[in-house]
Amino acid sequence: MVPQLSYIFLPFVATLFLVGIYVYLGQHVLKRGIIFVDIAIAQIAALGLTFAYYLGYDPKSLGASLYALVFAIGGAMLFAFAKPREELIPHEAIIGICYVVASGLAILMVDMAKDPHGAETIQYLLVGNISWVSKQDIFRIASVILPVGFFHYWFFPKFYAVTFEPQLAEQKGLWIPFWDFLFYLSFGMVVTSSVKVCGVLLVFTFLVIPSVCIGLFVRAFSTRLILSWILGILVSFVGLLFSWSRPSGPTIVFFFAATLAIFGVLKYILTSSSKGKALLKLIEGLGIFVGLLALVALLFPSEEHHKHRTNLTPKTSPNSPQNTSKYQNILNQIRSLTPDDSTKNIQIYWSKLNPKEKKEFINELLKVANQQEDFSLKLVIAKLLLTFSRKKSAWSLLYSLLQNEKCPPFIKEEAAEDLQKSTKQNFGYDFMEDVETNQKALEKWRKWLQAQGVSVH
């Protein structure tokens, strides 16, 4: 548990800032009925990033971030001043149109950039990975969130009036489009600064789900805000704890979704005139859902898409003279795996080998890894070596992926994560940066690995 707590310390600090600002903004977003505005602004900011990328900027440079901010400001102006007074066009429709157009243009910009890894680069900038947040990332996020928070605190009466009492705000002479613009502008600044760290999924989750959960039971603004903060922090902490061996963002989203489901069920039961009948209806609904799943499984049995995983039992005896070729079948099957595929049957195969065969099999795996330029295959083999408790061989292979300039970012991300979790060390490696930028981190890894007796080059 202690290594896990150490591992999630920085991500948890980041979530404190993110939950703090997004839960507050979420109160306004829910009241205004503009639920998807965060995704739209995030995508418009992403369009700014891809435009800068097309012009030749490094997506993580200050120039690219400024382009993203300018585009976000443009989106803020559009959402603030393009709101029809007569509601002939729903505001959500305008937001949805902007999201679709920005998404399409972003993809077009990446394609026009003519970079074979461009899509991967932009994808990882947008999806984010909060488990790899650094102190610098936290300082950068805090440098935006704290001023925005203070700005909203200072002008809270005006923002509250525009959101919750718009008619009274007009009577007081407040220019609502102007304060809408300031709201969207500050919102866009927060999204632009944080989406590259936590991703759009977590932005939307922090913004909406805690407030919805508490809003089912509490109406008073201040009480709802405080309880939403507490709930957001607690669920984020639990999600980070259980993401020790899983992607942090989706794991946190899952726990928030589970929390929302629990709150929804409680609300339904507690507000029903007959709590017994309400519970029975829930059980019936769940039974119908499970029954439909079982019916589909029965009528359309699994087609075993990964047929190459069958028949993995060793076919030759330990005394066979073909000590190297007898593993060819299983090695070919491993070559067809991806890092996301299950290796359960490979592990079963491994468990049936005797010690001599295991040593031979490991040697064959390492030969395949060293002979192939397939980075995905190298990662698969490294994962298998970790499963087989051959950590030193796995660490050497993972390190080789991190220091290879040609290795794609998404492979480096997973390799770095596996290396960090299996060694319980973190030297600040950034999978989105090039080898030269990561030189200090790689040198620290090299020295630490050599101290453990690992052969690295």
Protein backbone atom coordinates (compact mmCIF):
# COMPACT_ATOMS: atom_id res chain seq x y z
CA MET A 1 0.00 0.00 0.00
CA VAL A 2 2.80 2.45 0.82
CA PRO A 3 4.35 2.28 -2.68
CA GLN A 4 0.88 2.86 -4.13
CA LEU A 5 0.30 5.92 -1.95
CA SER A 6 3.67 7.27 -2.98
CA TYR A 7 2.87 6.59 -6.61
CA ILE A 8 -0.44 8.48 -6.54
CA PHE A 9 0.74 11.46 -4.47
CA LEU A 10 1.34 13.87 -7.36
CA PRO A 11 -1.74 12.72 -9.33
CA PHE A 12 -3.85 13.22 -6.19
CA VAL A 13 -2.47 16.73 -5.67
CA ALA A 14 -3.39 17.48 -9.29
CA THR A 15 -6.93 16.18 -8.74
CA LEU A 16 -7.33 18.51 -5.74
CA PHE A 17 -6.83 21.51 -8.02
CA LEU A 18 -8.94 20.03 -10.82
CA VAL A 19 -11.83 18.95 -8.60
CA GLY A 20 -11.72 22.31 -6.82
CA ILE A 21 -12.23 24.41 -9.94
CA TYR A 22 -14.29 22.06 -12.11
CA VAL A 23 -16.85 21.22 -9.41
CA TYR A 24 -17.45 24.94 -8.89
CA LEU A 25 -17.74 25.59 -12.62
CA GLY A 26 -19.99 22.55 -12.86
CA GLN A 27 -22.58 24.25 -10.63
CA HIS A 28 -22.90 26.98 -13.26
CA VAL A 29 -22.77 24.60 -16.21
CA LEU A 30 -25.60 22.42 -14.89
CA LYS A 31 -27.80 25.41 -14.06
CA ARG A 32 -27.20 26.98 -17.48
CA GLY A 33 -27.98 23.66 -19.22
CA ILE A 34 -24.75 23.72 -21.26
CA ILE A 35 -23.51 20.30 -20.21
CA PHE A 36 -21.18 19.71 -23.14
CA VAL A 37 -19.59 23.14 -23.27
CA ASP A 38 -16.37 21.83 -21.68
CA ILE A 39 -15.88 19.20 -24.38
CA ALA A 40 -16.60 21.79 -27.07
CA ILE A 41 -14.11 24.31 -25.65
CA ALA A 42 -11.54 21.55 -25.15
CA GLN A 43 -11.94 20.50 -28.78
CA ILE A 44 -11.70 24.10 -29.99
CA ALA A 45 -8.50 24.49 -27.96
CA ALA A 46 -7.31 21.22 -29.54
CA LEU A 47 -7.99 22.74 -32.95
CA GLY A 48 -5.66 25.57 -31.94
CA LEU A 49 -3.01 23.00 -31.01
CA THR A 50 -3.34 21.16 -34.30
CA PHE A 51 -3.22 24.44 -36.22
CA ALA A 52 0.04 25.31 -34.43
CA TYR A 53 1.27 21.78 -35.14
CA TYR A 54 0.47 22.27 -38.83
CA LEU A 55 2.48 25.51 -38.79
CA GLY A 56 5.47 23.62 -37.39
CA TYR A 57 5.23 24.29 -33.64
CA ASP A 58 6.03 21.66 -31.04
CA PRO A 59 2.59 20.78 -29.57
CA LYS A 60 4.00 21.24 -26.06
CA SER A 61 5.66 24.58 -26.76
CA LEU A 62 4.49 27.94 -25.39
CA GLY A 63 3.60 29.08 -28.90
CA ALA A 64 1.26 26.11 -29.44
CA SER A 65 -0.36 26.72 -26.04
CA LEU A 66 -0.98 30.35 -26.96
CA TYR A 67 -2.63 29.28 -30.21
CA ALA A 68 -4.84 26.92 -28.18
CA LEU A 69 -5.72 29.76 -25.81
CA VAL A 70 -6.59 32.13 -28.66
CA PHE A 71 -8.88 29.51 -30.20
CA ALA A 72 -10.48 28.90 -26.78
CA ILE A 73 -11.09 32.65 -26.45
CA GLY A 74 -12.74 32.58 -29.87
CA GLY A 75 -15.00 29.76 -28.70
CA ALA A 76 -15.81 31.68 -25.52
CA MET A 77 -16.84 34.73 -27.57
CA LEU A 78 -19.00 32.57 -29.83
CA PHE A 79 -20.81 30.83 -26.98
CA ALA A 80 -21.33 34.12 -25.11
CA PHE A 81 -22.55 36.36 -27.93
CA ALA A 82 -24.17 33.85 -30.31
CA LYS A 83 -26.90 32.88 -27.87
CA PRO A 84 -30.24 33.68 -29.54
CA ARG A 85 -32.55 35.70 -27.28
CA GLU A 86 -35.62 33.92 -28.64
CA GLU A 87 -34.00 30.47 -28.37
CA LEU A 88 -34.91 29.64 -31.98
CA ILE A 89 -31.75 27.56 -31.98
CA PRO A 90 -30.97 25.75 -28.69
CA HIS A 91 -27.67 26.82 -27.17
CA GLU A 92 -26.64 23.17 -26.90
CA ALA A 93 -27.09 22.86 -30.68
CA ILE A 94 -24.56 25.67 -31.23
CA ILE A 95 -22.16 23.99 -28.80
CA GLY A 96 -22.60 20.63 -30.55
CA ILE A 97 -22.01 22.15 -33.99
CA CYS A 98 -18.83 23.83 -32.77
CA TYR A 99 -17.59 20.52 -31.31
CA VAL A 100 -18.21 18.59 -34.55
CA VAL A 101 -16.64 21.27 -36.75
CA ALA A 102 -13.61 21.67 -34.46
CA SER A 103 -13.12 17.88 -34.37
CA GLY A 104 -13.27 17.58 -38.14
CA LEU A 105 -10.91 20.49 -38.72
CA ALA A 106 -8.45 19.14 -36.13
CA ILE A 107 -8.30 15.78 -37.92
CA LEU A 108 -7.85 17.61 -41.23
CA MET A 109 -4.99 19.69 -39.82
CA VAL A 110 -3.20 16.59 -38.55
CA ASP A 111 -3.57 14.95 -41.94
CA MET A 112 -2.23 18.05 -43.71
CA ALA A 113 0.80 18.10 -41.41
CA LYS A 114 2.08 14.97 -43.23
CA ASP A 115 3.68 13.56 -40.07
CA PRO A 116 3.31 9.76 -39.74
CA HIS A 117 3.12 10.08 -35.94
CA GLY A 118 1.08 13.27 -35.94
CA ALA A 119 -2.21 11.62 -35.03
CA GLU A 120 -0.59 9.77 -32.12
CA THR A 121 1.05 12.96 -30.87
CA ILE A 122 -2.16 14.97 -30.86
CA GLN A 123 -4.16 12.05 -29.46
CA TYR A 124 -1.92 11.73 -26.43
CA LEU A 125 -1.86 15.47 -25.89
CA LEU A 126 -5.66 15.45 -25.76
CA VAL A 127 -6.29 12.22 -23.86
CA GLY A 128 -3.75 13.04 -21.16
CA ASN A 129 -2.39 10.74 -18.49
CA ILE A 130 -2.85 12.04 -14.98
CA SER A 131 -0.80 9.19 -13.49
CA TRP A 132 2.28 10.75 -15.12
CA VAL A 133 1.67 14.29 -13.90
CA SER A 134 4.84 16.06 -12.78
CA LYS A 135 5.51 18.86 -10.32
CA GLN A 136 5.95 21.20 -13.27
CA ASP A 137 2.53 20.18 -14.60
CA ILE A 138 0.96 20.88 -11.21
CA PHE A 139 2.64 24.30 -10.98
CA ARG A 140 1.45 25.11 -14.50
CA ILE A 141 -2.12 24.04 -13.74
CA ALA A 142 -2.13 25.87 -10.39
CA SER A 143 -0.81 29.04 -12.05
CA VAL A 144 -4.03 29.14 -14.08
CA ILE A 145 -6.57 27.62 -11.68
CA LEU A 146 -5.70 29.77 -8.65
CA PRO A 147 -6.05 33.14 -10.47
CA VAL A 148 -9.26 31.95 -12.14
CA GLY A 149 -10.60 30.78 -8.78
CA PHE A 150 -9.74 34.10 -7.17
CA PHE A 151 -11.37 35.93 -10.12
CA HIS A 152 -14.61 33.99 -9.64
CA TYR A 153 -14.47 34.52 -5.87
CA TRP A 154 -14.02 38.28 -6.31
CA PHE A 155 -16.90 38.61 -8.76
CA PHE A 156 -18.99 35.78 -7.32
CA PRO A 157 -22.17 37.87 -6.81
CA LYS A 158 -22.24 38.82 -10.49
CA PHE A 159 -21.52 35.31 -11.81
CA TYR A 160 -24.10 33.87 -9.41
CA ALA A 161 -26.72 36.38 -10.49
CA VAL A 162 -26.12 35.78 -14.21
CA THR A 163 -26.37 32.01 -13.80
CA PHE A 164 -28.99 31.53 -11.11
CA GLU A 165 -30.98 34.80 -11.25
CA PRO A 166 -30.68 36.09 -14.85
CA GLN A 167 -33.83 38.19 -14.70
CA LEU A 168 -32.69 39.91 -11.51
CA ALA A 169 -29.26 40.42 -13.09
CA GLU A 170 -30.85 42.20 -16.05
CA GLN A 171 -32.87 44.39 -13.71
CA LYS A 172 -29.66 45.38 -11.94
CA GLY A 173 -28.21 46.47 -15.28
CA LEU A 174 -25.66 43.70 -15.71
CA TRP A 175 -24.65 43.12 -19.33
CA ILE A 176 -25.22 39.36 -19.38
CA PRO A 177 -23.38 38.58 -22.66
CA PHE A 178 -20.27 40.28 -21.26
CA TRP A 179 -20.34 38.24 -18.03
CA ASP A 180 -21.11 35.12 -20.05
CA PHE A 181 -18.00 35.86 -22.08
CA LEU A 182 -15.88 36.22 -18.92
CA PHE A 183 -17.29 32.94 -17.64
CA TYR A 184 -16.51 31.07 -20.88
CA LEU A 185 -13.11 32.76 -21.14
CA SER A 186 -12.07 31.68 -17.64
CA PHE A 187 -13.56 28.27 -18.33
CA GLY A 188 -11.55 28.01 -21.55
CA MET A 189 -8.34 28.97 -19.76
CA VAL A 190 -8.83 26.22 -17.19
CA VAL A 191 -9.69 23.61 -19.83
CA THR A 192 -6.75 24.60 -22.04
CA SER A 193 -4.29 24.32 -19.14
CA SER A 194 -5.55 20.98 -17.82
CA VAL A 195 -6.87 18.91 -20.71
CA LYS A 196 -3.36 17.84 -21.77
CA VAL A 197 -2.80 16.38 -18.30
CA CYS A 198 -6.13 14.82 -17.37
CA GLY A 199 -7.87 14.48 -20.75
CA VAL A 200 -11.38 15.32 -21.87
CA LEU A 201 -12.93 12.34 -20.05
CA LEU A 202 -11.80 13.52 -16.63
CA VAL A 203 -12.61 17.15 -17.40
CA PHE A 204 -16.22 16.21 -18.11
CA THR A 205 -16.34 13.84 -15.13
CA PHE A 206 -15.06 16.39 -12.60
CA LEU A 207 -17.33 19.04 -14.05
CA VAL A 208 -20.61 17.16 -13.99
CA ILE A 209 -20.78 13.94 -11.96
CA PRO A 210 -20.00 15.15 -8.38
CA SER A 211 -22.50 18.00 -8.73
CA VAL A 212 -25.17 15.70 -10.20
CA CYS A 213 -24.73 13.17 -7.38
CA ILE A 214 -25.11 15.76 -4.62
CA GLY A 215 -27.72 17.71 -6.55
CA LEU A 216 -30.04 14.71 -6.33
CA PHE A 217 -30.40 15.37 -2.60
CA VAL A 218 -29.29 18.97 -1.91
CA ARG A 219 -30.57 22.22 -3.41
CA ALA A 220 -28.71 24.94 -1.47
CA PHE A 221 -25.75 26.21 -3.55
CA SER A 222 -23.12 26.42 -0.81
CA THR A 223 -23.99 23.06 0.75
CA ARG A 224 -24.12 21.37 -2.65
CA LEU A 225 -20.75 22.87 -3.61
CA ILE A 226 -18.98 21.76 -0.41
CA LEU A 227 -20.42 18.24 -0.51
CA SER A 228 -19.56 17.96 -4.22
CA TRP A 229 -15.96 18.93 -3.45
CA ILE A 230 -15.75 16.28 -0.70
CA LEU A 231 -17.30 13.59 -2.90
CA GLY A 232 -15.08 14.48 -5.87
CA ILE A 233 -11.91 14.28 -3.78
CA LEU A 234 -12.87 10.97 -2.12
CA VAL A 235 -13.88 9.22 -5.35
CA SER A 236 -10.76 10.52 -7.15
CA PHE A 237 -8.57 9.12 -4.36
CA VAL A 238 -10.25 5.72 -4.54
CA GLY A 239 -9.95 5.71 -8.33
CA LEU A 240 -6.23 6.50 -8.15
CA LEU A 241 -5.70 3.72 -5.60
CA PHE A 242 -7.32 1.15 -7.86
CA SER A 243 -5.48 2.42 -10.95
CA TRP A 244 -2.20 0.97 -9.68
CA SER A 245 -2.14 -1.46 -12.60
CA ARG A 246 -4.72 0.21 -14.86
CA PRO A 247 -5.11 3.49 -16.79
CA SER A 248 -5.82 6.16 -14.18
CA GLY A 249 -8.26 8.33 -16.15
CA PRO A 250 -10.74 5.59 -17.18
CA THR A 251 -10.48 4.00 -13.73
CA ILE A 252 -11.42 7.25 -12.01
CA VAL A 253 -14.28 7.73 -14.49
CA PHE A 254 -15.53 4.22 -13.69
CA PHE A 255 -15.66 4.92 -9.94
CA PHE A 256 -17.46 8.21 -10.53
CA ALA A 257 -19.97 6.40 -12.77
CA ALA A 258 -20.48 3.71 -10.10
CA THR A 259 -20.99 6.43 -7.49
CA LEU A 260 -23.56 8.16 -9.68
CA ALA A 261 -25.39 4.86 -10.18
CA ILE A 262 -25.52 4.28 -6.41
CA PHE A 263 -26.77 7.81 -5.74
CA GLY A 264 -29.37 7.44 -8.50
CA VAL A 265 -30.66 4.15 -7.08
CA LEU A 266 -30.85 5.61 -3.57
CA LYS A 267 -32.74 8.66 -4.85
CA TYR A 268 -35.19 6.48 -6.75
CA ILE A 269 -35.88 4.22 -3.76
CA LEU A 270 -36.06 6.98 -1.13
CA THR A 271 -38.48 9.12 -3.15
CA SER A 272 -40.78 6.24 -4.11
CA SER A 273 -44.11 5.89 -2.31
CA SER A 274 -43.50 2.15 -2.03
CA LYS A 275 -39.84 1.42 -1.48
CA GLY A 276 -40.38 -2.33 -1.80
CA LYS A 277 -41.98 -1.98 -5.23
CA ALA A 278 -39.24 0.42 -6.32
CA LEU A 279 -36.56 -2.08 -5.33
CA LEU A 280 -38.45 -4.85 -7.10
CA LYS A 281 -38.60 -2.79 -10.32
CA LEU A 282 -34.85 -2.23 -10.15
CA ILE A 283 -34.24 -5.96 -9.73
CA GLU A 284 -36.61 -6.70 -12.63
CA GLY A 285 -34.84 -4.20 -14.86
CA LEU A 286 -31.45 -5.65 -13.99
CA GLY A 287 -32.80 -9.17 -14.61
CA ILE A 288 -34.08 -8.19 -18.07
CA PHE A 289 -30.72 -6.65 -18.97
CA VAL A 290 -28.77 -9.72 -17.80
CA GLY A 291 -31.25 -12.00 -19.54
CA LEU A 292 -30.83 -10.18 -22.86
CA LEU A 293 -27.05 -10.46 -22.55
CA ALA A 294 -27.36 -14.18 -21.82
CA LEU A 295 -29.68 -14.59 -24.83
CA VAL A 296 -27.20 -12.91 -27.15
CA ALA A 297 -24.38 -15.05 -25.77
CA LEU A 298 -26.48 -18.18 -26.26
CA LEU A 299 -27.64 -17.41 -29.80
CA PHE A 300 -24.32 -15.94 -30.94
CA PRO A 301 -21.51 -17.75 -29.10
CA SER A 302 -18.03 -16.27 -29.09
CA GLU A 303 -16.19 -16.72 -32.36
CA GLU A 304 -12.80 -16.85 -30.63
CA HIS A 305 -11.44 -13.89 -32.57
CA HIS A 306 -7.95 -14.61 -31.27
CA LYS A 307 -7.83 -18.21 -32.43
CA HIS A 308 -4.05 -18.15 -32.35
CA ARG A 309 -4.26 -18.49 -28.56
CA THR A 310 -5.55 -22.05 -28.63
CA ASN A 311 -3.51 -25.23 -28.50
CA LEU A 312 -0.68 -23.72 -26.50
CA THR A 313 0.36 -26.90 -24.73
CA PRO A 314 3.96 -27.97 -25.44
CA LYS A 315 3.96 -30.75 -28.00
CA THR A 316 7.53 -31.95 -27.78
CA SER A 317 9.32 -33.61 -24.94
CA PRO A 318 12.11 -31.95 -22.99
CA ASN A 319 14.57 -34.41 -24.51
CA SER A 320 13.73 -33.47 -28.08
CA PRO A 321 16.83 -32.56 -30.09
CA GLN A 322 15.01 -29.56 -31.59
CA ASN A 323 15.51 -27.41 -28.51
CA THR A 324 15.14 -24.13 -30.36
CA SER A 325 12.48 -24.94 -32.98
CA LYS A 326 9.99 -26.64 -30.65
CA TYR A 327 8.93 -23.20 -29.40
CA GLN A 328 8.36 -21.85 -32.90
CA ASN A 329 4.60 -22.31 -32.79
CA ILE A 330 4.15 -20.46 -29.53
CA LEU A 331 6.60 -17.75 -30.60
CA ASN A 332 4.61 -17.19 -33.78
CA GLN A 333 1.47 -16.82 -31.71
CA ILE A 334 3.21 -14.31 -29.44
CA ARG A 335 4.27 -12.33 -32.53
CA SER A 336 0.59 -11.83 -33.41
CA LEU A 337 -0.30 -10.40 -29.98
CA THR A 338 -0.72 -6.72 -29.17
CA PRO A 339 0.02 -5.11 -25.77
CA ASP A 340 -3.72 -5.05 -25.03
CA ASP A 341 -4.31 -8.75 -25.72
CA SER A 342 -4.74 -11.25 -22.92
CA THR A 343 -1.75 -13.50 -22.26
CA LYS A 344 -3.55 -15.88 -19.92
CA ASN A 345 -3.06 -18.88 -22.19
CA ILE A 346 0.61 -18.01 -22.65
CA GLN A 347 0.96 -18.06 -18.88
CA ILE A 348 -0.72 -21.49 -18.77
CA TYR A 349 1.76 -22.68 -21.39
CA TRP A 350 4.60 -21.31 -19.24
CA SER A 351 3.34 -23.08 -16.13
CA LYS A 352 3.57 -26.45 -17.90
CA LEU A 353 7.26 -26.05 -18.79
CA ASN A 354 9.98 -27.57 -16.65
CA PRO A 355 12.87 -25.36 -15.41
CA LYS A 356 15.13 -26.28 -18.34
CA GLU A 357 12.40 -25.52 -20.88
CA LYS A 358 11.63 -22.24 -19.15
CA LYS A 359 15.23 -21.15 -19.51
CA GLU A 360 15.25 -22.13 -23.19
CA PHE A 361 11.93 -20.39 -23.78
CA ILE A 362 13.17 -17.15 -22.18
CA ASN A 363 16.26 -17.24 -24.42
CA GLU A 364 14.05 -17.67 -27.46
CA LEU A 365 11.85 -14.79 -26.39
CA LEU A 366 14.87 -12.52 -25.99
CA LYS A 367 16.16 -13.56 -29.42
CA VAL A 368 12.84 -12.62 -30.98
CA ALA A 369 12.83 -9.28 -29.14
CA ASN A 370 16.37 -8.42 -30.22
CA GLN A 371 15.90 -9.48 -33.82
CA GLN A 372 12.64 -7.64 -34.46
CA GLU A 373 12.10 -3.91 -34.98
CA ASP A 374 8.46 -4.28 -33.99
CA PHE A 375 8.14 -2.04 -30.93
CA SER A 376 4.71 -3.42 -30.06
CA LEU A 377 6.12 -6.96 -30.03
CA LYS A 378 9.01 -5.87 -27.81
CA LEU A 379 6.50 -4.43 -25.36
CA VAL A 380 4.45 -7.64 -25.40
CA ILE A 381 7.56 -9.70 -24.66
CA ALA A 382 8.60 -7.33 -21.86
CA LYS A 383 5.18 -7.71 -20.27
CA LEU A 384 5.45 -11.49 -20.54
CA LEU A 385 8.88 -11.42 -18.91
CA LEU A 386 7.44 -9.43 -16.01
CA THR A 387 4.67 -12.01 -15.70
CA PHE A 388 7.28 -14.78 -15.69
CA SER A 389 9.19 -12.96 -12.88
CA ARG A 390 12.14 -12.31 -15.19
CA LYS A 391 12.27 -8.68 -14.15
CA LYS A 392 15.85 -7.86 -15.11
CA SER A 393 15.35 -9.02 -18.70
CA ALA A 394 12.05 -7.13 -18.85
CA TRP A 395 13.61 -3.95 -17.46
CA SER A 396 16.40 -4.07 -20.01
CA LEU A 397 13.87 -4.42 -22.83
CA LEU A 398 11.61 -1.65 -21.50
CA TYR A 399 14.59 0.68 -21.12
CA SER A 400 15.60 0.01 -24.72
CA LEU A 401 12.14 1.16 -25.85
CA LEU A 402 12.39 4.39 -23.86
CA GLN A 403 15.72 5.36 -25.40
CA ASN A 404 14.75 4.51 -28.98
CA GLU A 405 14.01 7.68 -30.94
CA LYS A 406 11.81 5.80 -33.42
CA CYS A 407 9.56 4.23 -30.79
CA PRO A 408 6.03 5.75 -30.98
CA PRO A 409 4.81 7.76 -27.96
CA PHE A 410 1.97 5.37 -27.09
CA ILE A 411 4.44 2.47 -26.84
CA LYS A 412 6.83 4.56 -24.75
CA GLU A 413 3.98 5.57 -22.46
CA GLU A 414 3.09 1.98 -21.63
CA ALA A 415 6.73 0.91 -21.41
CA ALA A 416 7.51 3.75 -19.00
CA GLU A 417 4.46 2.91 -16.92
CA ASP A 418 5.42 -0.77 -16.70
CA LEU A 419 8.99 0.12 -15.80
CA GLN A 420 7.92 2.58 -13.13
CA LYS A 421 5.37 0.26 -11.54
CA SER A 422 7.61 -2.81 -11.55
CA THR A 423 10.63 -0.94 -10.16
CA LYS A 424 8.69 1.49 -7.95
CA GLN A 425 10.99 4.22 -9.26
CA ASN A 426 10.17 7.45 -11.07
CA PHE A 427 12.86 9.61 -12.65
CA GLY A 428 10.62 12.05 -14.49
CA TYR A 429 10.60 10.44 -17.94
CA ASP A 430 8.18 12.19 -20.33
CA PHE A 431 7.04 9.85 -23.12
CA MET A 432 5.89 12.80 -25.25
CA GLU A 433 9.37 14.34 -25.37
CA ASP A 434 12.28 13.22 -27.54
CA VAL A 435 15.27 11.23 -26.33
CA GLU A 436 17.49 14.30 -26.02
CA THR A 437 15.01 16.06 -23.73
CA ASN A 438 14.71 12.89 -21.63
CA GLN A 439 18.47 12.40 -21.42
CA LYS A 440 18.69 13.17 -17.68
CA ALA A 441 15.83 10.82 -16.84
CA LEU A 442 17.29 8.07 -19.04
CA GLU A 443 20.70 8.47 -17.41
CA LYS A 444 19.12 8.10 -13.96
CA TRP A 445 17.29 4.99 -15.15
CA ARG A 446 20.50 3.56 -16.63
CA LYS A 447 22.47 4.05 -13.40
CA TRP A 448 19.69 2.60 -11.26
CA LEU A 449 19.23 -0.42 -13.53
CA GLN A 450 22.96 -1.10 -13.67
CA ALA A 451 23.04 -0.96 -9.87
CA GLN A 452 20.46 -3.75 -9.90
CA GLY A 453 22.63 -5.85 -12.20
CA VAL A 454 20.62 -5.14 -15.35
CA SER A 455 22.46 -5.08 -18.66
CA VAL A 456 21.62 -1.80 -20.44
CA HIS A 457 23.25 -0.02 -23.34
